[in-house]
Amino acid sequence: MNTVTIPKKELKAVVKESVREVFDQELMKFRALLLPDVSQKEQKDIEKRHGKPVCRPVKSVEIEI
């Protein structure tokens, strides 16, 4: 079996980035759970009262829950 040695700083950076990615994914899932569900009827009523959004979303992420 071959062994690979990497500097401690590099290992720490890789682990830190991996933890950050997982944390971001889990945080997005948590935020999605907190969003209220809106029926099509409610959405149409909102758009009727306030108009459709004029700007496009900056970031859109689709996740499976």
N, C-alpha and C. Protein backbone atom coordinates (compact mmCIF):
# COMPACT_ATOMS: atom_id res chain seq x y z
N MET A 1 0.84 -1.18 0.00
CA MET A 1 0.00 0.00 0.00
C MET A 1 0.88 1.24 0.00
N ASN A 2 0.57 2.17 -0.87
CA ASN A 2 1.33 3.41 -0.95
C ASN A 2 0.79 4.41 0.05
N THR A 3 1.67 5.20 0.59
CA THR A 3 1.26 6.26 1.50
C THR A 3 1.55 7.60 0.86
N VAL A 4 0.69 8.54 1.14
CA VAL A 4 0.84 9.89 0.61
C VAL A 4 1.01 10.83 1.78
N THR A 5 2.00 11.67 1.68
CA THR A 5 2.20 12.66 2.74
C THR A 5 1.92 14.05 2.17
N ILE A 6 1.14 14.80 2.93
CA ILE A 6 0.86 16.18 2.54
C ILE A 6 1.10 17.06 3.76
N PRO A 7 1.46 18.28 3.50
CA PRO A 7 1.70 19.20 4.62
C PRO A 7 0.44 19.40 5.46
N LYS A 8 0.64 19.67 6.72
CA LYS A 8 -0.46 19.86 7.66
C LYS A 8 -1.37 21.00 7.22
N LYS A 9 -0.80 22.10 6.74
CA LYS A 9 -1.60 23.25 6.30
C LYS A 9 -2.51 22.88 5.13
N GLU A 10 -1.97 22.10 4.20
CA GLU A 10 -2.75 21.71 3.04
C GLU A 10 -3.91 20.79 3.45
N LEU A 11 -3.63 19.85 4.35
CA LEU A 11 -4.68 18.96 4.85
C LEU A 11 -5.76 19.77 5.56
N LYS A 12 -5.34 20.72 6.38
CA LYS A 12 -6.29 21.55 7.11
C LYS A 12 -7.16 22.35 6.13
N ALA A 13 -6.56 22.88 5.07
CA ALA A 13 -7.31 23.65 4.08
C ALA A 13 -8.33 22.78 3.35
N VAL A 14 -7.95 21.56 3.01
CA VAL A 14 -8.85 20.65 2.31
C VAL A 14 -10.03 20.28 3.21
N VAL A 15 -9.74 19.95 4.46
CA VAL A 15 -10.79 19.59 5.40
C VAL A 15 -11.71 20.78 5.65
N LYS A 16 -11.14 21.96 5.81
CA LYS A 16 -11.93 23.16 6.06
C LYS A 16 -12.88 23.44 4.90
N GLU A 17 -12.39 23.32 3.68
CA GLU A 17 -13.22 23.56 2.50
C GLU A 17 -14.33 22.51 2.40
N SER A 18 -14.00 21.27 2.68
CA SER A 18 -15.01 20.20 2.62
C SER A 18 -16.10 20.42 3.65
N VAL A 19 -15.72 20.79 4.85
CA VAL A 19 -16.70 21.05 5.91
C VAL A 19 -17.57 22.24 5.53
N ARG A 20 -16.97 23.27 4.95
CA ARG A 20 -17.73 24.45 4.52
C ARG A 20 -18.77 24.08 3.46
N GLU A 21 -18.38 23.24 2.49
CA GLU A 21 -19.31 22.83 1.44
C GLU A 21 -20.50 22.06 2.02
N VAL A 22 -20.21 21.13 2.91
CA VAL A 22 -21.28 20.34 3.53
C VAL A 22 -22.17 21.24 4.38
N PHE A 23 -21.58 22.14 5.12
CA PHE A 23 -22.35 23.07 5.96
C PHE A 23 -23.27 23.92 5.10
N ASP A 24 -22.76 24.43 3.98
CA ASP A 24 -23.58 25.25 3.07
C ASP A 24 -24.76 24.45 2.52
N GLN A 25 -24.52 23.19 2.14
CA GLN A 25 -25.59 22.35 1.61
C GLN A 25 -26.66 22.11 2.67
N GLU A 26 -26.24 21.79 3.87
CA GLU A 26 -27.19 21.52 4.94
C GLU A 26 -27.95 22.78 5.34
N LEU A 27 -27.29 23.92 5.30
CA LEU A 27 -27.95 25.18 5.63
C LEU A 27 -29.02 25.52 4.58
N MET A 28 -28.73 25.24 3.30
CA MET A 28 -29.72 25.47 2.26
C MET A 28 -30.94 24.57 2.47
N LYS A 29 -30.71 23.32 2.84
CA LYS A 29 -31.83 22.41 3.11
C LYS A 29 -32.67 22.93 4.28
N PHE A 30 -32.00 23.39 5.32
CA PHE A 30 -32.70 23.90 6.50
C PHE A 30 -33.53 25.13 6.14
N ARG A 31 -32.96 26.03 5.37
CA ARG A 31 -33.69 27.23 4.95
C ARG A 31 -34.91 26.85 4.10
N ALA A 32 -34.75 25.86 3.24
CA ALA A 32 -35.87 25.42 2.40
C ALA A 32 -37.00 24.86 3.25
N LEU A 33 -36.66 24.19 4.33
CA LEU A 33 -37.69 23.65 5.22
C LEU A 33 -38.48 24.76 5.91
N LEU A 34 -37.84 25.89 6.13
CA LEU A 34 -38.49 27.00 6.82
C LEU A 34 -39.37 27.85 5.91
N LEU A 35 -39.20 27.69 4.60
CA LEU A 35 -40.01 28.46 3.66
C LEU A 35 -41.44 27.92 3.64
N PRO A 36 -42.41 28.79 3.72
CA PRO A 36 -43.79 28.31 3.68
C PRO A 36 -44.18 27.88 2.26
N ASP A 37 -45.04 26.89 2.18
CA ASP A 37 -45.55 26.46 0.89
C ASP A 37 -46.62 27.45 0.44
N VAL A 38 -46.61 27.76 -0.84
CA VAL A 38 -47.59 28.69 -1.41
C VAL A 38 -48.32 27.96 -2.52
N SER A 39 -49.64 27.95 -2.43
CA SER A 39 -50.44 27.31 -3.47
C SER A 39 -50.42 28.18 -4.72
N GLN A 40 -50.84 27.58 -5.84
CA GLN A 40 -50.90 28.34 -7.09
C GLN A 40 -51.88 29.51 -6.96
N LYS A 41 -52.98 29.27 -6.25
CA LYS A 41 -53.99 30.32 -6.06
C LYS A 41 -53.40 31.49 -5.27
N GLU A 42 -52.68 31.17 -4.18
CA GLU A 42 -52.05 32.23 -3.38
C GLU A 42 -51.02 32.99 -4.19
N GLN A 43 -50.22 32.26 -4.99
CA GLN A 43 -49.19 32.90 -5.79
C GLN A 43 -49.81 33.86 -6.80
N LYS A 44 -50.89 33.43 -7.44
CA LYS A 44 -51.58 34.31 -8.41
C LYS A 44 -52.12 35.55 -7.72
N ASP A 45 -52.66 35.38 -6.50
CA ASP A 45 -53.19 36.52 -5.74
C ASP A 45 -52.06 37.49 -5.39
N ILE A 46 -50.92 36.96 -4.99
CA ILE A 46 -49.77 37.82 -4.66
C ILE A 46 -49.33 38.60 -5.90
N GLU A 47 -49.23 37.91 -7.04
CA GLU A 47 -48.81 38.57 -8.27
C GLU A 47 -49.84 39.60 -8.73
N LYS A 48 -51.11 39.32 -8.49
CA LYS A 48 -52.17 40.26 -8.86
C LYS A 48 -52.07 41.54 -8.03
N ARG A 49 -51.83 41.39 -6.74
CA ARG A 49 -51.75 42.54 -5.84
C ARG A 49 -50.46 43.34 -6.00
N HIS A 50 -49.35 42.64 -6.15
CA HIS A 50 -48.04 43.31 -6.12
C HIS A 50 -47.29 43.27 -7.44
N GLY A 51 -47.81 42.56 -8.41
CA GLY A 51 -47.12 42.44 -9.69
C GLY A 51 -46.05 41.37 -9.62
N LYS A 52 -45.61 40.96 -10.79
CA LYS A 52 -44.55 39.95 -10.84
C LYS A 52 -43.22 40.61 -10.50
N PRO A 53 -42.27 39.84 -9.99
CA PRO A 53 -40.95 40.41 -9.69
C PRO A 53 -40.31 40.95 -10.97
N VAL A 54 -39.68 42.11 -10.86
CA VAL A 54 -39.07 42.73 -12.04
C VAL A 54 -37.63 42.28 -12.25
N CYS A 55 -37.00 41.83 -11.20
CA CYS A 55 -35.61 41.41 -11.37
C CYS A 55 -35.52 39.89 -11.30
N ARG A 56 -34.51 39.37 -11.94
CA ARG A 56 -34.30 37.94 -11.95
C ARG A 56 -33.53 37.54 -10.69
N PRO A 57 -33.73 36.33 -10.22
CA PRO A 57 -32.99 35.90 -9.04
C PRO A 57 -31.49 35.84 -9.34
N VAL A 58 -30.70 36.20 -8.37
CA VAL A 58 -29.25 36.19 -8.53
C VAL A 58 -28.73 34.77 -8.51
N LYS A 59 -29.30 33.96 -7.62
CA LYS A 59 -28.84 32.59 -7.49
C LYS A 59 -30.04 31.69 -7.25
N SER A 60 -30.08 30.61 -7.97
CA SER A 60 -31.16 29.65 -7.81
C SER A 60 -30.55 28.27 -7.64
N VAL A 61 -30.95 27.57 -6.59
CA VAL A 61 -30.41 26.25 -6.32
C VAL A 61 -31.57 25.29 -6.12
N GLU A 62 -31.51 24.16 -6.79
CA GLU A 62 -32.54 23.15 -6.63
C GLU A 62 -31.95 22.00 -5.82
N ILE A 63 -32.63 21.66 -4.71
CA ILE A 63 -32.14 20.59 -3.86
C ILE A 63 -33.25 19.58 -3.60
N GLU A 64 -32.85 18.36 -3.30
CA GLU A 64 -33.80 17.32 -2.93
C GLU A 64 -33.89 17.24 -1.43
N ILE A 65 -35.11 17.21 -0.94
CA ILE A 65 -35.29 17.10 0.52
C ILE A 65 -35.92 15.76 0.82
